[in-house]
Amino acid sequence: MQWRTEKQYLGKKIIKDLFEMGIIKTWQRDKHDGWTLVSGIWSPFYIQLRKICSHPKLLKNVGHAMGRMIEHECRGNKLLGIAMAGIPIATAISLAMNIPACFTRKMEGVQSQDDFKKKVASYGEHAFIEGEMEEGDVFVAIDDLVTGFNSKMVAFEQLEWEAQKRNISVACDEVAVLIDREQGAEKTAQKFGIGLHSLIPLQSKGLEWLREYLTKIEYEVISDYLTQPEKYQNPKIQSRLKNI
């Protein structure tokens, strides 16, 4: 089986499982009021991938599928799980493919590179990265999903600072995620010379793979929202959806 065919098969199976297990939620099925995201934007659907570790069979399948993607598309010899949701996924990949893994430490209040630079001075002797790093290591950063790219850039900063502390040279110019919401992250990654790999590109493929499991209105609204989320910040539209 060619990798392109295998990747589509794996992506379809996993997004179906994510939906059936309630990890991908919609306003119509799960919460009529919808969700206000961390960014302050209202959304008619929500992806709660932190729950994935409560479903060991699914997590094992994700580890295998993403491991295959890394095997075919990436060049690294080590994984870098991005705290927090990227850590169990990186661990699952590590176990499935026998690839060593490290992970970033969660830094409270740090959501951008500027935040990181302000925090560094007061961070003390804590490690930025946990795990064994060696001269010449090439890392693939692992996370659950990508919308913007800030958390990934912070992870790169942490890796760079930790390498300096250990007096070694390492590299990381690839990110692998389970889901890319396809709302601008790839363009940002390209600007920094970073390769972005996703098992499930939500807008171009993932939503179509879910189509048979969604109601007609769910599919139409989420599809439209992904291309123009600003339209759905209108309270009148939100109220109309709540009453469906």
Protein backbone atom coordinates (compact mmCIF):
# COMPACT_ATOMS: atom_id res chain seq x y z
CA MET A 1 0.00 0.00 0.00
CA GLN A 2 1.38 3.40 -0.96
CA TRP A 3 1.91 5.83 1.91
CA ARG A 4 -0.63 8.34 0.56
CA THR A 5 -3.34 5.65 0.54
CA GLU A 6 -2.32 4.31 3.94
CA LYS A 7 -2.25 7.79 5.44
CA GLN A 8 -5.79 8.52 4.24
CA TYR A 9 -7.02 5.19 5.62
CA LEU A 10 -5.44 5.88 9.03
CA GLY A 11 -6.69 9.48 9.13
CA LYS A 12 -10.27 8.46 8.28
CA LYS A 13 -10.34 5.76 10.95
CA ILE A 14 -8.92 7.97 13.69
CA ILE A 15 -11.14 11.01 13.05
CA LYS A 16 -14.19 8.71 13.11
CA ASP A 17 -13.07 7.32 16.49
CA LEU A 18 -12.40 10.83 17.83
CA PHE A 19 -15.93 11.88 16.90
CA GLU A 20 -17.65 8.75 18.22
CA MET A 21 -15.79 9.02 21.55
CA GLY A 22 -16.84 12.66 21.98
CA ILE A 23 -13.33 14.06 21.64
CA ILE A 24 -14.51 16.07 18.65
CA LYS A 25 -17.69 17.85 19.76
CA THR A 26 -20.33 19.89 17.92
CA TRP A 27 -22.74 22.47 19.24
CA GLN A 28 -25.73 20.50 17.95
CA ARG A 29 -24.80 17.15 19.44
CA ASP A 30 -22.90 18.11 22.58
CA LYS A 31 -23.41 21.72 23.74
CA HIS A 32 -26.01 24.03 22.23
CA ASP A 33 -24.24 27.16 23.49
CA GLY A 34 -21.06 26.27 21.58
CA TRP A 35 -17.61 27.12 22.95
CA THR A 36 -15.59 30.24 23.61
CA LEU A 37 -11.97 29.33 22.86
CA VAL A 38 -8.90 30.53 24.77
CA SER A 39 -8.44 33.18 22.06
CA GLY A 40 -11.89 34.58 22.91
CA ILE A 41 -13.41 33.41 19.62
CA TRP A 42 -16.75 31.56 19.66
CA SER A 43 -16.78 28.18 17.92
CA PRO A 44 -19.57 25.73 16.92
CA PHE A 45 -17.21 22.78 17.43
CA TYR A 46 -14.49 21.81 19.89
CA ILE A 47 -11.60 19.35 19.78
CA GLN A 48 -10.58 18.11 23.24
CA LEU A 49 -7.56 15.93 22.48
CA ARG A 50 -6.30 15.98 26.08
CA LYS A 51 -8.86 13.23 26.71
CA ILE A 52 -7.08 10.90 24.33
CA CYS A 53 -4.97 9.32 27.09
CA SER A 54 -8.21 8.05 28.69
CA HIS A 55 -8.70 5.84 25.63
CA PRO A 56 -5.62 3.57 25.48
CA LYS A 57 -6.60 1.71 22.30
CA LEU A 58 -7.17 4.99 20.46
CA LEU A 59 -3.92 6.45 21.81
CA LYS A 60 -2.08 3.32 20.64
CA ASN A 61 -3.59 3.71 17.15
CA VAL A 62 -2.63 7.40 17.08
CA GLY A 63 0.93 6.50 18.07
CA HIS A 64 1.17 3.96 15.26
CA ALA A 65 -0.37 6.26 12.63
CA MET A 66 1.74 9.29 13.53
CA GLY A 67 4.80 7.07 13.78
CA ARG A 68 4.20 5.91 10.22
CA MET A 69 3.82 9.53 9.13
CA ILE A 70 7.12 10.47 10.77
CA GLU A 71 8.80 7.44 9.22
CA HIS A 72 7.68 8.51 5.72
CA GLU A 73 7.76 12.31 5.97
CA CYS A 74 10.29 13.40 8.60
CA ARG A 75 14.04 13.05 9.11
CA GLY A 76 14.48 13.31 12.89
CA ASN A 77 15.99 10.73 15.21
CA LYS A 78 14.21 11.94 18.37
CA LEU A 79 10.77 13.24 19.35
CA LEU A 80 9.99 16.39 21.33
CA GLY A 81 6.58 16.19 23.01
CA ILE A 82 5.13 19.68 23.53
CA ALA A 83 3.52 20.09 26.96
CA MET A 84 0.96 19.09 27.79
CA ALA A 85 -1.16 17.34 25.11
CA GLY A 86 1.82 16.49 22.92
CA ILE A 87 3.51 14.44 25.66
CA PRO A 88 1.23 11.33 25.70
CA ILE A 89 1.14 11.36 21.89
CA ALA A 90 4.94 11.53 21.69
CA THR A 91 5.13 8.68 24.22
CA ALA A 92 2.72 6.56 22.14
CA ILE A 93 4.81 7.20 18.99
CA SER A 94 7.99 6.38 20.90
CA LEU A 95 6.59 3.04 22.04
CA ALA A 96 5.13 2.19 18.63
CA MET A 97 8.23 3.04 16.58
CA ASN A 98 11.06 2.70 19.14
CA ILE A 99 12.06 6.35 18.72
CA PRO A 100 13.54 8.08 21.80
CA ALA A 101 11.53 11.02 23.14
CA CYS A 102 12.02 14.15 25.23
CA PHE A 103 9.41 16.70 26.27
CA THR A 104 9.13 20.38 27.04
CA ARG A 105 8.30 21.57 30.55
CA LYS A 106 5.11 23.57 30.96
CA MET A 107 5.96 27.22 31.68
CA GLU A 108 3.07 29.04 33.35
CA GLY A 109 1.98 32.21 31.59
CA VAL A 110 4.20 31.61 28.56
CA GLN A 111 2.21 31.65 25.32
CA SER A 112 4.61 33.34 22.90
CA GLN A 113 8.31 33.82 22.20
CA ASP A 114 8.20 37.24 23.86
CA ASP A 115 6.66 35.70 27.00
CA PHE A 116 9.42 33.09 27.01
CA LYS A 117 12.21 35.66 26.78
CA LYS A 118 10.73 37.58 29.72
CA LYS A 119 10.41 34.38 31.77
CA VAL A 120 13.91 33.02 31.13
CA ALA A 121 15.67 35.36 33.56
CA SER A 122 13.51 34.21 36.49
CA TYR A 123 13.27 30.53 35.54
CA GLY A 124 16.21 29.48 37.66
CA GLU A 125 17.93 26.11 37.32
CA HIS A 126 14.90 24.17 36.07
CA ALA A 127 15.38 22.27 32.81
CA PHE A 128 13.50 23.56 29.78
CA ILE A 129 13.52 20.04 28.30
CA GLU A 130 13.26 16.69 30.10
CA GLY A 131 15.00 13.65 28.64
CA GLU A 132 18.35 12.70 27.17
CA MET A 133 19.78 14.98 24.47
CA GLU A 134 22.99 14.30 22.58
CA GLU A 135 25.21 16.25 20.20
CA GLY A 136 23.76 16.24 16.68
CA ASP A 137 20.23 15.11 17.63
CA VAL A 138 17.54 16.09 15.14
CA PHE A 139 14.12 16.46 16.79
CA VAL A 140 10.59 16.27 15.43
CA ALA A 141 8.26 18.35 17.64
CA ILE A 142 4.99 16.54 18.48
CA ASP A 143 1.67 18.12 19.41
CA ASP A 144 -2.02 17.27 19.35
CA LEU A 145 -3.22 19.99 16.98
CA VAL A 146 -2.25 23.31 15.46
CA THR A 147 -4.28 26.47 14.94
CA GLY A 148 -1.73 29.25 15.22
CA PHE A 149 1.94 28.48 15.76
CA ASN A 150 2.92 30.23 19.01
CA SER A 151 3.21 27.15 21.24
CA LYS A 152 5.45 25.47 18.66
CA MET A 153 7.80 28.48 18.49
CA VAL A 154 8.03 28.49 22.30
CA ALA A 155 9.03 24.80 22.18
CA PHE A 156 11.81 25.61 19.70
CA GLU A 157 13.05 28.35 22.04
CA GLN A 158 13.05 25.92 24.98
CA LEU A 159 15.00 23.36 22.98
CA GLU A 160 17.57 25.94 21.89
CA TRP A 161 18.11 27.24 25.44
CA GLU A 162 18.37 23.74 26.88
CA ALA A 163 20.93 22.74 24.23
CA GLN A 164 23.00 25.81 25.15
CA LYS A 165 22.84 24.88 28.84
CA ARG A 166 24.07 21.37 28.02
CA ASN A 167 26.71 22.75 25.64
CA ILE A 168 25.53 20.70 22.66
CA SER A 169 24.18 21.43 19.19
CA VAL A 170 20.79 20.00 18.16
CA ALA A 171 18.22 20.81 15.47
CA CYS A 172 14.44 20.85 15.11
CA ASP A 173 12.78 22.11 11.95
CA GLU A 174 9.74 19.83 11.69
CA VAL A 175 6.45 19.62 13.59
CA ALA A 176 4.06 16.65 13.45
CA VAL A 177 0.50 17.03 14.73
CA LEU A 178 -2.56 14.82 14.78
CA ILE A 179 -4.90 17.58 13.51
CA ASP A 180 -4.21 20.78 11.60
CA ARG A 181 -7.26 23.06 11.67
CA GLU A 182 -5.78 24.69 8.53
CA GLN A 183 -6.31 28.23 9.75
CA GLY A 184 -2.92 29.71 8.88
CA ALA A 185 -0.35 27.61 10.75
CA GLU A 186 1.27 26.15 7.64
CA LYS A 187 1.96 29.59 6.20
CA THR A 188 3.55 30.68 9.50
CA ALA A 189 5.63 27.49 9.65
CA GLN A 190 6.90 28.08 6.10
CA LYS A 191 7.91 31.63 7.00
CA PHE A 192 10.26 30.20 9.65
CA GLY A 193 11.51 27.37 7.43
CA ILE A 194 9.66 24.71 9.44
CA GLY A 195 7.95 21.68 7.93
CA LEU A 196 4.44 21.02 9.26
CA HIS A 197 3.04 17.48 8.96
CA SER A 198 -0.50 16.51 9.97
CA LEU A 199 -2.31 13.19 9.91
CA ILE A 200 -5.69 14.93 9.64
CA PRO A 201 -5.87 18.24 7.69
CA LEU A 202 -9.27 19.24 9.06
CA GLN A 203 -10.53 21.73 6.50
CA SER A 204 -9.38 20.07 3.29
CA LYS A 205 -9.90 16.40 4.24
CA GLY A 206 -10.93 15.70 7.83
CA LEU A 207 -14.36 17.30 7.68
CA GLU A 208 -15.19 15.41 4.48
CA TRP A 209 -14.10 12.17 6.17
CA LEU A 210 -16.59 12.95 8.95
CA ARG A 211 -19.42 13.96 6.64
CA GLU A 212 -21.41 10.72 6.93
CA TYR A 213 -21.40 10.99 10.74
CA LEU A 214 -22.54 14.64 10.89
CA THR A 215 -26.00 16.06 10.30
CA LYS A 216 -26.34 18.20 7.19
CA ILE A 217 -26.43 21.43 9.22
CA GLU A 218 -23.41 20.39 11.32
CA TYR A 219 -21.35 19.77 8.21
CA GLU A 220 -22.40 23.02 6.51
CA VAL A 221 -21.87 25.22 9.57
CA ILE A 222 -18.48 23.79 10.56
CA SER A 223 -17.26 23.89 6.96
CA ASP A 224 -18.31 27.53 6.65
CA TYR A 225 -16.87 28.40 10.07
CA LEU A 226 -13.44 27.05 9.16
CA THR A 227 -13.22 29.42 6.18
CA GLN A 228 -14.74 32.50 7.84
CA PRO A 229 -14.83 32.24 11.66
CA GLU A 230 -15.38 36.00 12.04
CA LYS A 231 -18.89 35.60 10.59
CA TYR A 232 -19.87 33.40 13.55
CA GLN A 233 -18.91 35.95 16.17
CA ASN A 234 -22.25 37.63 15.44
CA PRO A 235 -24.55 36.98 18.46
CA LYS A 236 -27.60 36.70 16.17
CA ILE A 237 -26.00 33.85 14.22
CA GLN A 238 -24.97 32.12 17.45
CA SER A 239 -28.51 32.44 18.80
CA ARG A 240 -29.95 31.00 15.59
CA LEU A 241 -27.66 27.99 15.82
CA LYS A 242 -28.52 27.41 19.48
CA ASN A 243 -32.19 27.07 18.53
CA ILE A 244 -31.61 24.44 15.85
